[in-house]
N, C-alpha and C. Protein backbone atom coordinates (compact mmCIF):
# COMPACT_ATOMS: atom_id res chain seq x y z
N MET A 1 108.70 167.09 126.85
CA MET A 1 108.86 165.66 126.69
C MET A 1 109.14 165.31 125.22
N LYS A 2 108.35 165.86 124.31
CA LYS A 2 108.55 165.56 122.90
C LYS A 2 109.90 166.08 122.41
N ASP A 3 110.31 167.24 122.92
CA ASP A 3 111.61 167.79 122.53
C ASP A 3 112.73 166.85 122.95
N ASN A 4 112.62 166.31 124.17
CA ASN A 4 113.64 165.39 124.66
C ASN A 4 113.66 164.12 123.81
N GLN A 5 112.51 163.63 123.40
CA GLN A 5 112.44 162.44 122.56
C GLN A 5 113.07 162.71 121.20
N LEU A 6 112.84 163.88 120.66
CA LEU A 6 113.43 164.26 119.38
C LEU A 6 114.95 164.34 119.50
N ILE A 7 115.43 164.96 120.55
CA ILE A 7 116.87 165.07 120.77
C ILE A 7 117.49 163.69 120.93
N GLN A 8 116.86 162.83 121.72
CA GLN A 8 117.38 161.47 121.91
C GLN A 8 117.36 160.69 120.60
N ALA A 9 116.32 160.84 119.81
CA ALA A 9 116.24 160.15 118.52
C ALA A 9 117.36 160.61 117.59
N LEU A 10 117.62 161.90 117.56
CA LEU A 10 118.72 162.41 116.73
C LEU A 10 120.06 161.89 117.23
N LYS A 11 120.25 161.91 118.55
CA LYS A 11 121.49 161.41 119.14
C LYS A 11 121.72 159.95 118.75
N PHE A 12 120.71 159.12 118.93
CA PHE A 12 120.83 157.70 118.59
C PHE A 12 121.09 157.50 117.11
N LYS A 13 120.44 158.31 116.27
CA LYS A 13 120.64 158.21 114.82
C LYS A 13 122.09 158.53 114.45
N TYR A 14 122.61 159.63 114.99
CA TYR A 14 123.97 160.02 114.66
C TYR A 14 125.00 159.05 115.23
N GLU A 15 124.76 158.55 116.44
CA GLU A 15 125.67 157.56 117.01
C GLU A 15 125.67 156.28 116.17
N TYR A 16 124.50 155.86 115.73
CA TYR A 16 124.40 154.69 114.86
C TYR A 16 125.20 154.92 113.58
N GLU A 17 125.00 156.08 112.96
CA GLU A 17 125.70 156.37 111.71
C GLU A 17 127.22 156.40 111.91
N VAL A 18 127.69 157.00 112.99
CA VAL A 18 129.13 157.03 113.27
C VAL A 18 129.66 155.60 113.38
N ASN A 19 128.99 154.79 114.16
CA ASN A 19 129.43 153.41 114.34
C ASN A 19 129.37 152.62 113.03
N LYS A 20 128.33 152.81 112.26
CA LYS A 20 128.18 152.12 110.98
C LYS A 20 129.33 152.47 110.04
N HIS A 21 129.64 153.75 109.94
CA HIS A 21 130.70 154.17 109.02
C HIS A 21 132.09 153.75 109.52
N ARG A 22 132.27 153.69 110.84
CA ARG A 22 133.53 153.17 111.38
C ARG A 22 133.71 151.70 111.00
N VAL A 23 132.65 150.93 111.13
CA VAL A 23 132.70 149.51 110.76
C VAL A 23 132.95 149.38 109.26
N ASP A 24 132.24 150.16 108.47
CA ASP A 24 132.42 150.12 107.01
C ASP A 24 133.87 150.42 106.62
N LEU A 25 134.43 151.46 107.22
CA LEU A 25 135.80 151.85 106.90
C LEU A 25 136.79 150.77 107.34
N ASN A 26 136.62 150.27 108.53
CA ASN A 26 137.49 149.22 109.04
C ASN A 26 137.41 147.98 108.15
N ASN A 27 136.21 147.60 107.78
CA ASN A 27 136.02 146.44 106.91
C ASN A 27 136.63 146.68 105.54
N PHE A 28 136.44 147.85 105.01
CA PHE A 28 136.97 148.19 103.70
C PHE A 28 138.50 148.11 103.68
N ILE A 29 139.12 148.63 104.73
CA ILE A 29 140.58 148.65 104.80
C ILE A 29 141.14 147.26 105.07
N ASN A 30 140.48 146.50 105.93
CA ASN A 30 141.04 145.22 106.38
C ASN A 30 140.52 143.99 105.65
N ASN A 31 139.59 144.16 104.71
CA ASN A 31 139.03 143.02 104.01
C ASN A 31 139.36 143.12 102.52
N PRO A 32 140.40 142.45 102.08
CA PRO A 32 140.83 142.57 100.68
C PRO A 32 139.77 142.13 99.66
N VAL A 33 138.90 141.24 100.06
CA VAL A 33 137.84 140.79 99.14
C VAL A 33 136.90 141.96 98.84
N ALA A 34 136.53 142.71 99.87
CA ALA A 34 135.64 143.86 99.68
C ALA A 34 136.30 144.93 98.82
N VAL A 35 137.59 145.15 99.02
CA VAL A 35 138.31 146.17 98.27
C VAL A 35 138.38 145.82 96.80
N ALA A 36 138.53 144.55 96.47
CA ALA A 36 138.65 144.12 95.08
C ALA A 36 137.41 144.44 94.25
N GLU A 37 136.29 144.63 94.90
CA GLU A 37 135.04 144.90 94.19
C GLU A 37 134.89 146.36 93.76
N HIS A 38 135.83 147.20 94.15
CA HIS A 38 135.72 148.63 93.86
C HIS A 38 136.74 149.06 92.83
N GLU A 39 136.27 149.91 91.91
CA GLU A 39 137.15 150.42 90.86
C GLU A 39 138.25 151.31 91.42
N SER A 40 137.87 152.28 92.21
CA SER A 40 138.84 153.20 92.79
C SER A 40 138.82 153.07 94.30
N ILE A 41 139.84 152.44 94.83
CA ILE A 41 139.91 152.21 96.27
C ILE A 41 139.95 153.53 97.03
N VAL A 42 140.74 154.47 96.55
CA VAL A 42 140.88 155.76 97.23
C VAL A 42 139.56 156.52 97.22
N ASP A 43 138.89 156.56 96.08
CA ASP A 43 137.61 157.28 96.00
C ASP A 43 136.56 156.66 96.92
N THR A 44 136.51 155.34 96.95
CA THR A 44 135.53 154.67 97.80
C THR A 44 135.84 154.90 99.27
N ALA A 45 137.11 154.80 99.66
CA ALA A 45 137.49 155.08 101.05
C ALA A 45 137.17 156.53 101.42
N ASP A 46 137.39 157.44 100.49
CA ASP A 46 137.10 158.86 100.72
C ASP A 46 135.61 159.08 100.97
N ILE A 47 134.77 158.39 100.25
CA ILE A 47 133.32 158.50 100.44
C ILE A 47 132.94 158.04 101.84
N ILE A 48 133.51 156.93 102.27
CA ILE A 48 133.21 156.41 103.61
C ILE A 48 133.69 157.39 104.68
N VAL A 49 134.89 157.92 104.51
CA VAL A 49 135.44 158.89 105.47
C VAL A 49 134.57 160.15 105.51
N GLU A 50 134.10 160.58 104.36
CA GLU A 50 133.23 161.76 104.31
C GLU A 50 131.93 161.51 105.07
N LYS A 51 131.34 160.34 104.90
CA LYS A 51 130.11 160.00 105.62
C LYS A 51 130.36 159.95 107.12
N LEU A 52 131.49 159.37 107.51
CA LEU A 52 131.84 159.31 108.93
C LEU A 52 132.01 160.71 109.50
N ALA A 53 132.73 161.55 108.80
CA ALA A 53 132.97 162.92 109.27
C ALA A 53 131.66 163.70 109.40
N THR A 54 130.78 163.53 108.45
CA THR A 54 129.49 164.21 108.49
C THR A 54 128.68 163.78 109.70
N SER A 55 128.65 162.48 109.96
CA SER A 55 127.90 161.96 111.10
C SER A 55 128.50 162.44 112.42
N GLU A 56 129.84 162.42 112.51
CA GLU A 56 130.50 162.92 113.72
C GLU A 56 130.23 164.40 113.92
N GLU A 57 130.21 165.16 112.84
CA GLU A 57 129.95 166.60 112.94
C GLU A 57 128.52 166.86 113.39
N LYS A 58 127.58 166.10 112.87
CA LYS A 58 126.18 166.27 113.30
C LYS A 58 126.02 165.99 114.78
N LEU A 59 126.65 164.90 115.25
CA LEU A 59 126.57 164.56 116.67
C LEU A 59 127.21 165.64 117.52
N ALA A 60 128.37 166.12 117.13
CA ALA A 60 129.06 167.18 117.88
C ALA A 60 128.25 168.47 117.88
N THR A 61 127.62 168.78 116.76
CA THR A 61 126.80 169.99 116.69
C THR A 61 125.59 169.90 117.61
N LEU A 62 124.95 168.73 117.61
CA LEU A 62 123.80 168.54 118.50
C LEU A 62 124.23 168.68 119.95
N GLU A 63 125.34 168.06 120.31
CA GLU A 63 125.84 168.15 121.69
C GLU A 63 126.21 169.59 122.06
N ALA A 64 126.80 170.32 121.12
CA ALA A 64 127.22 171.70 121.39
C ALA A 64 126.03 172.64 121.59
N HIS A 65 124.97 172.41 120.85
CA HIS A 65 123.85 173.35 120.89
C HIS A 65 122.72 172.91 121.83
N VAL A 66 122.64 171.63 122.09
CA VAL A 66 121.61 171.15 123.00
C VAL A 66 122.23 170.73 124.32
N GLY A 67 123.33 170.00 124.21
CA GLY A 67 124.10 169.58 125.38
C GLY A 67 123.31 168.84 126.43
N GLY A 68 124.03 168.25 127.34
CA GLY A 68 123.43 167.63 128.51
C GLY A 68 122.51 166.46 128.25
N PHE A 69 122.78 165.74 127.20
CA PHE A 69 121.91 164.56 126.99
C PHE A 69 122.64 163.30 127.15
């Protein structure tokens, strides 16, 4: 039971992070006001993409090794 709760908690955490970073990236690209606040647009977008990729990789890894949740 506790193992299942841990797996579900990790799944929810990674799904939240994926969605958060997708929203951040979409907002960053489509909201010129937000972009103007950053010194290097490319570097900031790269950071967001890296966070998104990391979260997606964690979720995929959990699914690959635990599966069936």
